C-alpha atoms as a PDB file:
ATOM      1  CA  MET A   1     103.508 -53.332 -45.569  1.00  0.00           C
ATOM      2  CA  THR A   2     106.276 -51.460 -47.443  1.00  0.00           C
ATOM      3  CA  ALA A   3     108.102 -47.968 -46.702  1.00  0.00           C
ATOM      4  CA  ASP A   4     106.910 -47.290 -50.456  1.00  0.00           C
ATOM      5  CA  ASN A   5     103.298 -47.580 -49.758  1.00  0.00           C
ATOM      6  CA  PRO A   6     102.269 -48.264 -46.068  1.00  0.00           C
ATOM      7  CA  HIS A   7      98.810 -48.865 -46.868  1.00  0.00           C
ATOM      8  CA  VAL A   8      99.305 -51.935 -48.543  1.00  0.00           C
ATOM      9  CA  PHE A   9     100.200 -55.231 -47.580  1.00  0.00           C
ATOM     10  CA  ASP A  10     100.226 -58.986 -48.144  1.00  0.00           C
ATOM     11  CA  ALA A  11      97.691 -61.188 -46.489  1.00  0.00           C
ATOM     12  CA  SER A  12      97.748 -64.664 -45.317  1.00  0.00           C
ATOM     13  CA  LEU A  13      95.867 -66.947 -43.565  1.00  0.00           C
ATOM     14  CA  ALA A  14      98.061 -67.531 -40.469  1.00  0.00           C
ATOM     15  CA  GLN A  15      97.783 -63.646 -39.886  1.00  0.00           C
ATOM     16  CA  PHE A  16      94.164 -62.971 -41.354  1.00  0.00           C
ATOM     17  CA  GLU A  17      92.007 -62.732 -38.307  1.00  0.00           C
ATOM     18  CA  GLN A  18      94.785 -60.155 -37.248  1.00  0.00           C
ATOM     19  CA  GLU A  19      95.680 -58.177 -40.030  1.00  0.00           C
ATOM     20  CA  VAL A  20      92.178 -58.089 -41.813  1.00  0.00           C
ATOM     21  CA  LEU A  21      89.277 -58.746 -39.385  1.00  0.00           C
ATOM     22  CA  LEU A  22      90.501 -56.908 -36.275  1.00  0.00           C
ATOM     23  CA  ARG A  23      91.785 -54.188 -38.464  1.00  0.00           C
ATOM     24  CA  SER A  24      88.963 -53.461 -40.381  1.00  0.00           C
ATOM     25  CA  LYS A  25      87.024 -52.726 -37.056  1.00  0.00           C
ATOM     26  CA  GLU A  26      89.397 -49.751 -37.123  1.00  0.00           C
ATOM     27  CA  VAL A  27      89.623 -48.551 -41.112  1.00  0.00           C
ATOM     28  CA  PRO A  28      88.323 -50.292 -44.078  1.00  0.00           C
ATOM     29  CA  VAL A  29      90.229 -53.078 -45.740  1.00  0.00           C
ATOM     30  CA  LEU A  30      89.708 -53.677 -48.885  1.00  0.00           C
ATOM     31  CA  VAL A  31      90.777 -57.588 -49.987  1.00  0.00           C
ATOM     32  CA  ASP A  32      92.363 -57.995 -53.471  1.00  0.00           C
ATOM     33  CA  PHE A  33      92.241 -61.661 -54.531  1.00  0.00           C
ATOM     34  CA  TRP A  34      94.539 -62.298 -57.543  1.00  0.00           C
ATOM     35  CA  ALA A  35      97.191 -64.244 -59.192  1.00  0.00           C
ATOM     36  CA  THR A  36     100.222 -63.982 -61.217  1.00  0.00           C
ATOM     37  CA  TRP A  37      99.108 -65.378 -64.541  1.00  0.00           C
ATOM     38  CA  CYS A  38      96.055 -63.500 -64.277  1.00  0.00           C
ATOM     39  CA  GLY A  39      96.091 -60.785 -66.965  1.00  0.00           C
ATOM     40  CA  PRO A  40      93.159 -58.184 -65.964  1.00  0.00           C
ATOM     41  CA  CYS A  41      94.657 -58.569 -62.123  1.00  0.00           C
ATOM     42  CA  LYS A  42      97.797 -56.987 -63.553  1.00  0.00           C
ATOM     43  CA  THR A  43      95.776 -53.832 -64.556  1.00  0.00           C
ATOM     44  CA  LEU A  44      93.417 -53.705 -61.143  1.00  0.00           C
ATOM     45  CA  GLY A  45      96.006 -53.973 -59.001  1.00  0.00           C
ATOM     46  CA  PRO A  46      98.567 -50.785 -59.455  1.00  0.00           C
ATOM     47  CA  VAL A  47      95.498 -48.874 -59.702  1.00  0.00           C
ATOM     48  CA  LEU A  48      94.225 -50.092 -56.250  1.00  0.00           C
ATOM     49  CA  GLU A  49      97.692 -49.596 -54.633  1.00  0.00           C
ATOM     50  CA  LYS A  50      97.888 -45.896 -56.237  1.00  0.00           C
ATOM     51  CA  LEU A  51      94.287 -45.284 -54.437  1.00  0.00           C
ATOM     52  CA  ALA A  52      95.405 -46.715 -51.430  1.00  0.00           C
ATOM     53  CA  ALA A  53      98.406 -44.352 -51.294  1.00  0.00           C
ATOM     54  CA  GLU A  54      96.345 -41.417 -52.306  1.00  0.00           C
ATOM     55  CA  PHE A  55      93.850 -42.042 -49.675  1.00  0.00           C
ATOM     56  CA  ASN A  56      96.788 -42.315 -47.085  1.00  0.00           C
ATOM     57  CA  GLY A  57      94.913 -45.051 -44.867  1.00  0.00           C
ATOM     58  CA  GLY A  58      91.475 -44.032 -45.206  1.00  0.00           C
ATOM     59  CA  PHE A  59      91.383 -47.919 -46.339  1.00  0.00           C
ATOM     60  CA  LEU A  60      93.778 -50.573 -46.286  1.00  0.00           C
ATOM     61  CA  LEU A  61      94.677 -52.919 -49.072  1.00  0.00           C
ATOM     62  CA  ALA A  62      95.402 -56.734 -48.234  1.00  0.00           C
ATOM     63  CA  LYS A  63      96.755 -58.657 -51.300  1.00  0.00           C
ATOM     64  CA  VAL A  64      95.813 -62.313 -51.485  1.00  0.00           C
ATOM     65  CA  ASP A  65      97.890 -64.874 -54.035  1.00  0.00           C
ATOM     66  CA  VAL A  66      95.339 -66.984 -54.508  1.00  0.00           C
ATOM     67  CA  ASP A  67      98.081 -69.649 -55.597  1.00  0.00           C
ATOM     68  CA  ARG A  68     100.040 -69.428 -52.482  1.00  0.00           C
ATOM     69  CA  GLU A  69      97.058 -69.173 -50.274  1.00  0.00           C
ATOM     70  CA  GLN A  70      94.447 -71.502 -51.863  1.00  0.00           C
ATOM     71  CA  GLN A  71      92.882 -72.272 -48.557  1.00  0.00           C
ATOM     72  CA  LEU A  72      92.212 -68.642 -47.784  1.00  0.00           C
ATOM     73  CA  ALA A  73      90.787 -68.269 -51.125  1.00  0.00           C
ATOM     74  CA  GLY A  74      88.566 -71.564 -50.623  1.00  0.00           C
ATOM     75  CA  TYR A  75      86.981 -69.837 -47.318  1.00  0.00           C
ATOM     76  CA  PHE A  76      85.819 -66.956 -49.484  1.00  0.00           C
ATOM     77  CA  GLN A  77      84.540 -69.135 -52.025  1.00  0.00           C
ATOM     78  CA  ILE A  78      86.834 -67.416 -54.795  1.00  0.00           C
ATOM     79  CA  LYS A  79      85.572 -68.461 -58.178  1.00  0.00           C
ATOM     80  CA  SER A  80      87.466 -66.223 -60.576  1.00  0.00           C
ATOM     81  CA  VAL A  81      90.248 -63.695 -59.960  1.00  0.00           C
ATOM     82  CA  PRO A  82      90.634 -60.702 -59.676  1.00  0.00           C
ATOM     83  CA  THR A  83      88.174 -60.710 -56.995  1.00  0.00           C
ATOM     84  CA  VAL A  84      87.977 -57.596 -54.573  1.00  0.00           C
ATOM     85  CA  MET A  85      85.933 -57.642 -50.978  1.00  0.00           C
ATOM     86  CA  LEU A  86      85.493 -54.645 -48.830  1.00  0.00           C
ATOM     87  CA  LEU A  87      85.375 -55.611 -44.878  1.00  0.00           C
ATOM     88  CA  LYS A  88      84.498 -53.125 -42.450  1.00  0.00           C
ATOM     89  CA  ASP A  89      83.753 -53.898 -38.913  1.00  0.00           C
ATOM     90  CA  GLY A  90      85.004 -57.459 -39.222  1.00  0.00           C
ATOM     91  CA  GLN A  91      82.400 -58.253 -41.916  1.00  0.00           C
ATOM     92  CA  ILE A  92      82.218 -58.549 -45.675  1.00  0.00           C
ATOM     93  CA  VAL A  93      80.050 -55.486 -46.417  1.00  0.00           C
ATOM     94  CA  ASP A  94      80.461 -55.744 -50.653  1.00  0.00           C
ATOM     95  CA  GLY A  95      82.670 -56.853 -53.197  1.00  0.00           C
ATOM     96  CA  PHE A  96      83.002 -57.381 -57.055  1.00  0.00           C
ATOM     97  CA  PRO A  97      84.594 -59.853 -59.828  1.00  0.00           C
ATOM     98  CA  GLY A  98      86.845 -58.565 -62.425  1.00  0.00           C
ATOM     99  CA  ALA A  99      88.786 -55.180 -63.124  1.00  0.00           C
ATOM    100  CA  LEU A 100      87.047 -52.203 -62.678  1.00  0.00           C
ATOM    101  CA  PRO A 101      88.385 -49.161 -64.206  1.00  0.00           C
ATOM    102  CA  GLU A 102      89.446 -46.505 -61.846  1.00  0.00           C
ATOM    103  CA  GLY A 103      86.498 -44.164 -61.734  1.00  0.00           C
ATOM    104  CA  GLN A 104      84.176 -46.768 -60.859  1.00  0.00           C
ATOM    105  CA  LEU A 105      86.903 -48.024 -57.946  1.00  0.00           C
ATOM    106  CA  ARG A 106      86.287 -44.802 -56.703  1.00  0.00           C
ATOM    107  CA  GLU A 107      82.451 -44.804 -56.425  1.00  0.00           C
ATOM    108  CA  PHE A 108      82.760 -48.321 -55.119  1.00  0.00           C
ATOM    109  CA  LEU A 109      84.739 -46.435 -52.116  1.00  0.00           C
ATOM    110  CA  LYS A 110      82.562 -43.486 -51.838  1.00  0.00           C
ATOM    111  CA  HIS A 111      79.283 -45.573 -51.842  1.00  0.00           C
ATOM    112  CA  HIS A 112      80.839 -47.128 -48.983  1.00  0.00           C
ATOM    113  CA  GLY A 113      81.792 -43.955 -47.058  1.00  0.00           C
ATOM    114  CA  VAL A 114      85.404 -44.534 -47.584  1.00  0.00           C
ATOM    115  CA  GLU A 115      87.051 -41.323 -47.548  1.00  0.00           C
ATOM    116  CA  ALA A 116      91.058 -40.165 -48.282  1.00  0.00           C
ATOM    117  CA  LYS A 117      92.620 -39.100 -44.844  1.00  0.00           C
ATOM    118  CA  ALA A 118      94.705 -35.624 -45.300  1.00  0.00           C
ATOM    119  CA  PRO A 119      98.405 -35.864 -44.527  1.00  0.00           C
ATOM    120  CA  ALA A 120      99.573 -35.472 -41.494  1.00  0.00           C
ATOM    121  CA  GLU A 121     100.822 -31.739 -40.744  1.00  0.00           C
ATOM    122  CA  VAL A 122     104.725 -31.438 -40.237  1.00  0.00           C
ATOM    123  CA  PRO A 123     105.676 -29.050 -37.545  1.00  0.00           C
ATOM    124  CA  GLU A 124     107.513 -26.022 -39.199  1.00  0.00           C
ATOM    125  CA  PRO A 125     110.637 -25.577 -36.981  1.00  0.00           C
ATOM    126  CA  GLU A 126     110.641 -23.032 -34.646  1.00  0.00           C
ATOM    127  CA  ALA A 127     112.167 -19.468 -35.765  1.00  0.00           C
ATOM    128  CA  THR A 128     115.229 -18.972 -33.931  1.00  0.00           C
ATOM    129  CA  ALA A 129     115.515 -15.636 -32.506  1.00  0.00           C
ATOM    130  CA  PRO A 130     117.902 -12.997 -33.600  1.00  0.00           C
ATOM    131  CA  ALA A 131     120.532 -12.736 -31.459  1.00  0.00           C
ATOM    132  CA  ASP A 132     120.650  -9.543 -28.901  1.00  0.00           C
ATOM    133  CA  PRO A 133     123.199  -7.102 -30.769  1.00  0.00           C
ATOM    134  CA  HIS A 134     124.810  -6.064 -27.262  1.00  0.00           C
ATOM    135  CA  GLU A 135     125.199  -9.895 -26.224  1.00  0.00           C
ATOM    136  CA  GLU A 136     126.485 -10.708 -29.368  1.00  0.00           C
ATOM    137  CA  VAL A 137     129.091  -8.178 -28.486  1.00  0.00           C
ATOM    138  CA  VAL A 138     129.730  -9.334 -25.374  1.00  0.00           C
ATOM    139  CA  ARG A 139     130.337 -12.929 -26.987  1.00  0.00           C
ATOM    140  CA  LEU A 140     132.585 -11.846 -29.567  1.00  0.00           C
ATOM    141  CA  ARG A 141     134.508  -9.886 -27.144  1.00  0.00           C
ATOM    142  CA  ALA A 142     134.906 -13.180 -24.815  1.00  0.00           C
ATOM    143  CA  LEU A 143     135.771 -15.173 -28.227  1.00  0.00           C
ATOM    144  CA  THR A 144     138.497 -12.309 -29.349  1.00  0.00           C
ATOM    145  CA  LEU A 145     140.294 -12.325 -26.293  1.00  0.00           C
ATOM    146  CA  ALA A 146     140.131 -16.279 -25.935  1.00  0.00           C
ATOM    147  CA  GLU A 147     141.668 -16.642 -29.276  1.00  0.00           C
ATOM    148  CA  PRO A 148     143.596 -13.275 -30.030  1.00  0.00           C
ATOM    149  CA  ASP A 149     145.572 -15.017 -33.323  1.00  0.00           C
ATOM    150  CA  LYS A 150     141.999 -14.835 -35.150  1.00  0.00           C
ATOM    151  CA  ASP A 151     141.525 -11.860 -36.952  1.00  0.00           C
ATOM    152  CA  GLU A 152     138.039 -13.502 -38.142  1.00  0.00           C
ATOM    153  CA  HIS A 153     136.826 -12.993 -34.672  1.00  0.00           C
ATOM    154  CA  ARG A 154     137.724  -9.107 -34.970  1.00  0.00           C
ATOM    155  CA  LEU A 155     135.849  -8.716 -38.249  1.00  0.00           C
ATOM    156  CA  ASP A 156     133.138 -10.130 -36.247  1.00  0.00           C
ATOM    157  CA  LEU A 157     132.839  -7.856 -33.160  1.00  0.00           C
ATOM    158  CA  ALA A 158     133.471  -5.143 -35.589  1.00  0.00           C
ATOM    159  CA  LEU A 159     130.236  -5.927 -37.590  1.00  0.00           C
ATOM    160  CA  ALA A 160     128.765  -6.638 -34.361  1.00  0.00           C
ATOM    161  CA  LEU A 161     129.541  -3.260 -32.719  1.00  0.00           C
ATOM    162  CA  LEU A 162     128.199  -1.283 -35.863  1.00  0.00           C
ATOM    163  CA  ASN A 163     124.760  -2.986 -34.867  1.00  0.00           C
ATOM    164  CA  THR A 164     124.843  -1.546 -31.762  1.00  0.00           C
ATOM    165  CA  GLY A 165     125.763   1.894 -33.015  1.00  0.00           C
ATOM    166  CA  ALA A 166     129.544   1.792 -31.502  1.00  0.00           C
ATOM    167  CA  VAL A 167     130.788   3.492 -34.919  1.00  0.00           C
ATOM    168  CA  ALA A 168     134.171   4.614 -33.622  1.00  0.00           C
ATOM    169  CA  GLU A 169     135.575   1.271 -32.092  1.00  0.00           C
ATOM    170  CA  ALA A 170     134.315  -0.513 -35.293  1.00  0.00           C
ATOM    171  CA  GLU A 171     136.222   1.690 -37.283  1.00  0.00           C
ATOM    172  CA  GLN A 172     139.315   1.043 -35.270  1.00  0.00           C
ATOM    173  CA  LEU A 173     138.853  -2.847 -35.499  1.00  0.00           C
ATOM    174  CA  LEU A 174     138.398  -2.535 -39.421  1.00  0.00           C
ATOM    175  CA  ASP A 175     141.408  -0.537 -39.888  1.00  0.00           C
ATOM    176  CA  ALA A 176     143.674  -3.157 -37.930  1.00  0.00           C
ATOM    177  CA  LEU A 177     142.486  -5.729 -40.023  1.00  0.00           C
ATOM    178  CA  PRO A 178     145.445  -7.413 -42.024  1.00  0.00           C
ATOM    179  CA  ALA A 179     145.406  -6.743 -45.806  1.00  0.00           C
ATOM    180  CA  ASN A 180     143.790  -9.922 -47.021  1.00  0.00           C
ATOM    181  CA  LEU A 181     140.904  -9.992 -44.606  1.00  0.00           C
ATOM    182  CA  ALA A 182     140.283  -6.288 -45.108  1.00  0.00           C
ATOM    183  CA  GLN A 183     139.150  -7.086 -48.596  1.00  0.00           C
ATOM    184  CA  ASP A 184     136.792  -9.713 -47.473  1.00  0.00           C
ATOM    185  CA  ASP A 185     133.273  -9.203 -48.541  1.00  0.00           C
ATOM    186  CA  ARG A 186     132.130  -8.903 -45.146  1.00  0.00           C
ATOM    187  CA  ALA A 187     134.601  -6.007 -44.323  1.00  0.00           C
ATOM    188  CA  LEU A 188     133.723  -4.160 -47.395  1.00  0.00           C
ATOM    189  CA  ARG A 189     129.939  -4.216 -46.283  1.00  0.00           C
ATOM    190  CA  GLY A 190     131.258  -2.877 -42.845  1.00  0.00           C
ATOM    191  CA  ARG A 191     133.171  -0.002 -44.541  1.00  0.00           C
ATOM    192  CA  ALA A 192     130.002   0.937 -46.380  1.00  0.00           C
ATOM    193  CA  ARG A 193     128.020   0.926 -43.199  1.00  0.00           C
ATOM    194  CA  LEU A 194     130.277   3.306 -41.512  1.00  0.00           C
ATOM    195  CA  GLY A 195     130.300   5.425 -44.570  1.00  0.00           C
ATOM    196  CA  PHE A 196     126.583   5.623 -44.265  1.00  0.00           C
ATOM    197  CA  ALA A 197     126.892   6.142 -39.953  1.00  0.00           C
ATOM    198  CA  ALA A 198     129.378   8.785 -40.794  1.00  0.00           C
ATOM    199  CA  LEU A 199     126.573  11.034 -42.657  1.00  0.00           C
ATOM    200  CA  LEU A 200     124.150  10.620 -39.658  1.00  0.00           C
ATOM    201  CA  LYS A 201     126.261  13.102 -37.216  1.00  0.00           C
ATOM    202  CA  ASP A 202     124.086  15.802 -36.518  1.00  0.00           C
ATOM    203  CA  ALA A 203     121.435  14.642 -38.989  1.00  0.00           C
ATOM    204  CA  PRO A 204     117.549  15.336 -37.389  1.00  0.00           C
ATOM    205  CA  PRO A 205     115.629  12.392 -36.177  1.00  0.00           C
ATOM    206  CA  ALA A 206     113.520  10.378 -38.447  1.00  0.00           C
ATOM    207  CA  PRO A 207     110.477  11.742 -37.476  1.00  0.00           C
ATOM    208  CA  VAL A 208     111.710  15.329 -38.366  1.00  0.00           C
ATOM    209  CA  LEU A 209     112.751  14.129 -41.800  1.00  0.00           C
ATOM    210  CA  GLU A 210     109.637  12.483 -42.415  1.00  0.00           C
ATOM    211  CA  ALA A 211     107.834  15.571 -41.618  1.00  0.00           C
ATOM    212  CA  ALA A 212     110.471  17.314 -44.207  1.00  0.00           C
ATOM    213  CA  ILE A 213     109.743  15.177 -46.869  1.00  0.00           C
ATOM    214  CA  ALA A 214     105.774  15.066 -46.665  1.00  0.00           C
ATOM    215  CA  ALA A 215     105.831  19.057 -46.654  1.00  0.00           C
ATOM    216  CA  ASN A 216     108.096  18.982 -49.496  1.00  0.00           C
ATOM    217  CA  PRO A 217     108.432  15.418 -51.719  1.00  0.00           C
ATOM    218  CA  ALA A 218     111.243  17.152 -53.482  1.00  0.00           C
ATOM    219  CA  ASP A 219     113.583  18.092 -50.567  1.00  0.00           C
ATOM    220  CA  LEU A 220     116.060  14.958 -51.942  1.00  0.00           C
ATOM    221  CA  ARG A 221     118.233  15.934 -48.745  1.00  0.00           C
ATOM    222  CA  ALA A 222     115.698  15.050 -46.496  1.00  0.00           C
ATOM    223  CA  ARG A 223     115.311  11.833 -48.539  1.00  0.00           C
ATOM    224  CA  HIS A 224     118.674  11.014 -48.615  1.00  0.00           C
ATOM    225  CA  LEU A 225     119.352  11.206 -44.843  1.00  0.00           C
ATOM    226  CA  LEU A 226     115.969   9.189 -44.060  1.00  0.00           C
ATOM    227  CA  GLY A 227     117.188   6.656 -46.328  1.00  0.00           C
ATOM    228  CA  VAL A 228     120.480   6.465 -44.592  1.00  0.00           C
ATOM    229  CA  ARG A 229     118.537   6.323 -41.119  1.00  0.00           C
ATOM    230  CA  LEU A 230     116.561   3.618 -42.120  1.00  0.00           C
ATOM    231  CA  ILE A 231     119.303   1.328 -43.865  1.00  0.00           C
ATOM    232  CA  VAL A 232     121.421   1.933 -40.713  1.00  0.00           C
ATOM    233  CA  ALA A 233     118.558   0.717 -38.868  1.00  0.00           C
ATOM    234  CA  GLY A 234     118.168  -2.520 -40.725  1.00  0.00           C
ATOM    235  CA  ASP A 235     115.221  -1.364 -42.998  1.00  0.00           C
ATOM    236  CA  ALA A 236     116.960  -1.909 -46.409  1.00  0.00           C
ATOM    237  CA  ALA A 237     113.856  -2.129 -48.657  1.00  0.00           C
ATOM    238  CA  ALA A 238     112.465   1.529 -47.393  1.00  0.00           C
ATOM    239  CA  ALA A 239     116.047   2.791 -47.508  1.00  0.00           C
ATOM    240  CA  MET A 240     116.448   1.883 -50.757  1.00  0.00           C
ATOM    241  CA  ASP A 241     112.813   2.994 -51.795  1.00  0.00           C
ATOM    242  CA  GLN A 242     114.072   6.531 -50.598  1.00  0.00           C
ATOM    243  CA  PHE A 243     116.913   6.325 -52.655  1.00  0.00           C
ATOM    244  CA  LEU A 244     115.385   5.161 -55.759  1.00  0.00           C
ATOM    245  CA  GLU A 245     112.965   7.857 -55.318  1.00  0.00           C
ATOM    246  CA  MET A 246     115.755  10.304 -55.482  1.00  0.00           C
ATOM    247  CA  LEU A 247     117.063   9.054 -58.787  1.00  0.00           C
ATOM    248  CA  ARG A 248     113.667   9.429 -60.157  1.00  0.00           C
ATOM    249  CA  ARG A 249     113.134  13.181 -59.521  1.00  0.00           C
ATOM    250  CA  ASP A 250     116.821  14.242 -60.162  1.00  0.00           C
ATOM    251  CA  ARG A 251     119.574  11.610 -60.978  1.00  0.00           C
ATOM    252  CA  GLY A 252     122.011  14.438 -60.859  1.00  0.00           C
ATOM    253  CA  PHE A 253     121.642  15.653 -57.448  1.00  0.00           C
ATOM    254  CA  GLU A 254     124.733  16.556 -55.523  1.00  0.00           C
ATOM    255  CA  ASP A 255     126.830  15.227 -58.605  1.00  0.00           C
ATOM    256  CA  GLY A 256     125.207  12.007 -58.774  1.00  0.00           C
ATOM    257  CA  LEU A 257     124.252  11.311 -55.127  1.00  0.00           C
ATOM    258  CA  PRO A 258     121.217   8.843 -55.665  1.00  0.00           C
ATOM    259  CA  ARG A 259     122.924   6.548 -57.931  1.00  0.00           C
ATOM    260  CA  LYS A 260     125.890   6.621 -55.518  1.00  0.00           C
ATOM    261  CA  ALA A 261     123.689   5.611 -52.432  1.00  0.00           C
ATOM    262  CA  LEU A 262     121.805   2.971 -54.076  1.00  0.00           C
ATOM    263  CA  ILE A 263     125.238   1.371 -54.903  1.00  0.00           C
ATOM    264  CA  ASP A 264     126.648   1.674 -51.633  1.00  0.00           C
ATOM    265  CA  ALA A 265     123.346   0.573 -50.297  1.00  0.00           C
ATOM    266  CA  PHE A 266     123.720  -2.701 -52.647  1.00  0.00           C
ATOM    267  CA  ARG A 267     127.355  -3.054 -50.958  1.00  0.00           C
ATOM    268  CA  VAL A 268     125.632  -2.934 -47.365  1.00  0.00           C
ATOM    269  CA  VAL A 269     122.521  -5.273 -48.094  1.00  0.00           C
ATOM    270  CA  GLU A 270     123.196  -8.772 -47.816  1.00  0.00           C
ATOM    271  CA  ASP A 271     120.044 -10.212 -48.893  1.00  0.00           C
ATOM    272  CA  GLU A 272     121.362 -10.912 -52.887  1.00  0.00           C
ATOM    273  CA  ASP A 273     117.275 -11.513 -54.038  1.00  0.00           C
ATOM    274  CA  LEU A 274     116.329  -8.107 -52.735  1.00  0.00           C
ATOM    275  CA  VAL A 275     119.481  -6.165 -54.031  1.00  0.00           C
ATOM    276  CA  GLY A 276     118.745  -7.737 -57.655  1.00  0.00           C
ATOM    277  CA  ALA A 277     115.066  -6.502 -57.533  1.00  0.00           C
ATOM    278  CA  TYR A 278     116.464  -2.973 -56.691  1.00  0.00           C
ATOM    279  CA  ARG A 279     119.434  -2.989 -59.145  1.00  0.00           C
ATOM    280  CA  ARG A 280     116.633  -3.890 -61.860  1.00  0.00           C
ATOM    281  CA  ARG A 281     114.627  -1.305 -60.695  1.00  0.00           C
ATOM    282  CA  MET A 282     117.364   1.529 -61.002  1.00  0.00           C
ATOM    283  CA  ALA A 283     118.096   0.181 -64.077  1.00  0.00           C
ATOM    284  CA  SER A 284     114.661   0.782 -65.329  1.00  0.00           C
ATOM    285  CA  VAL A 285     115.070   4.442 -63.994  1.00  0.00           C
ATOM    286  CA  LEU A 286     118.726   5.032 -65.608  1.00  0.00           C
ATOM    287  CA  PHE A 287     117.484   3.114 -69.107  1.00  0.00           C
END
């Protein structure tokens, strides 16, 4: 058998009983008697191999070169090539001489109950559970103490702190970053998140904001604060929906706040596909 087609193999007299007769008690075996000089064999062989691959172990294809295996061909009284025989349960159940077209070959297999096997299902890798934000802070604090010269650890810690709501400490760490790292995309996202978090000081809780919007859909201040709460909570799509609705209702609200909120959200959100989709939606509203 080959790596390309594990259901096709060359059969020999020495191994015929083991590889063909005994195997046919487990799975049907199609035996193809052929020769290198035979024109029809060159037509039939590839079709049989294609079907063997397609049936995925529904049957095995044993190839017998009659010039190399003359004794084996004699046992089966092969008069011409190609000749194909079907073995099941250690017995010949049917066969045919000559090269049949693919459609007739399929009918031949179907008539004898030979069916394709479904490919084995490859189990999907288990999704890695997201790290607990507080545990991540503890891990990064230890890493920062162990390697105090690595500013990247402080940036990672600042972003982790933002995920826990520790805004003040995160801001101190971001302020202390060297100039080159302060312009890193991740640091800029952290700054944008700080800006959102600062807006939530003394802001009403989300249920109050939702109730205000339900009572008055044109309450753009409530929409803005709800969007900020959503983006800080990690629900970027719902947050940008609120900002986009603000833009639809009044793009000039508070000196262009809806557009500014969307642009700030684009800086914060790391999902590039999601950002791209909302950029297009924003452009369709503006233009």
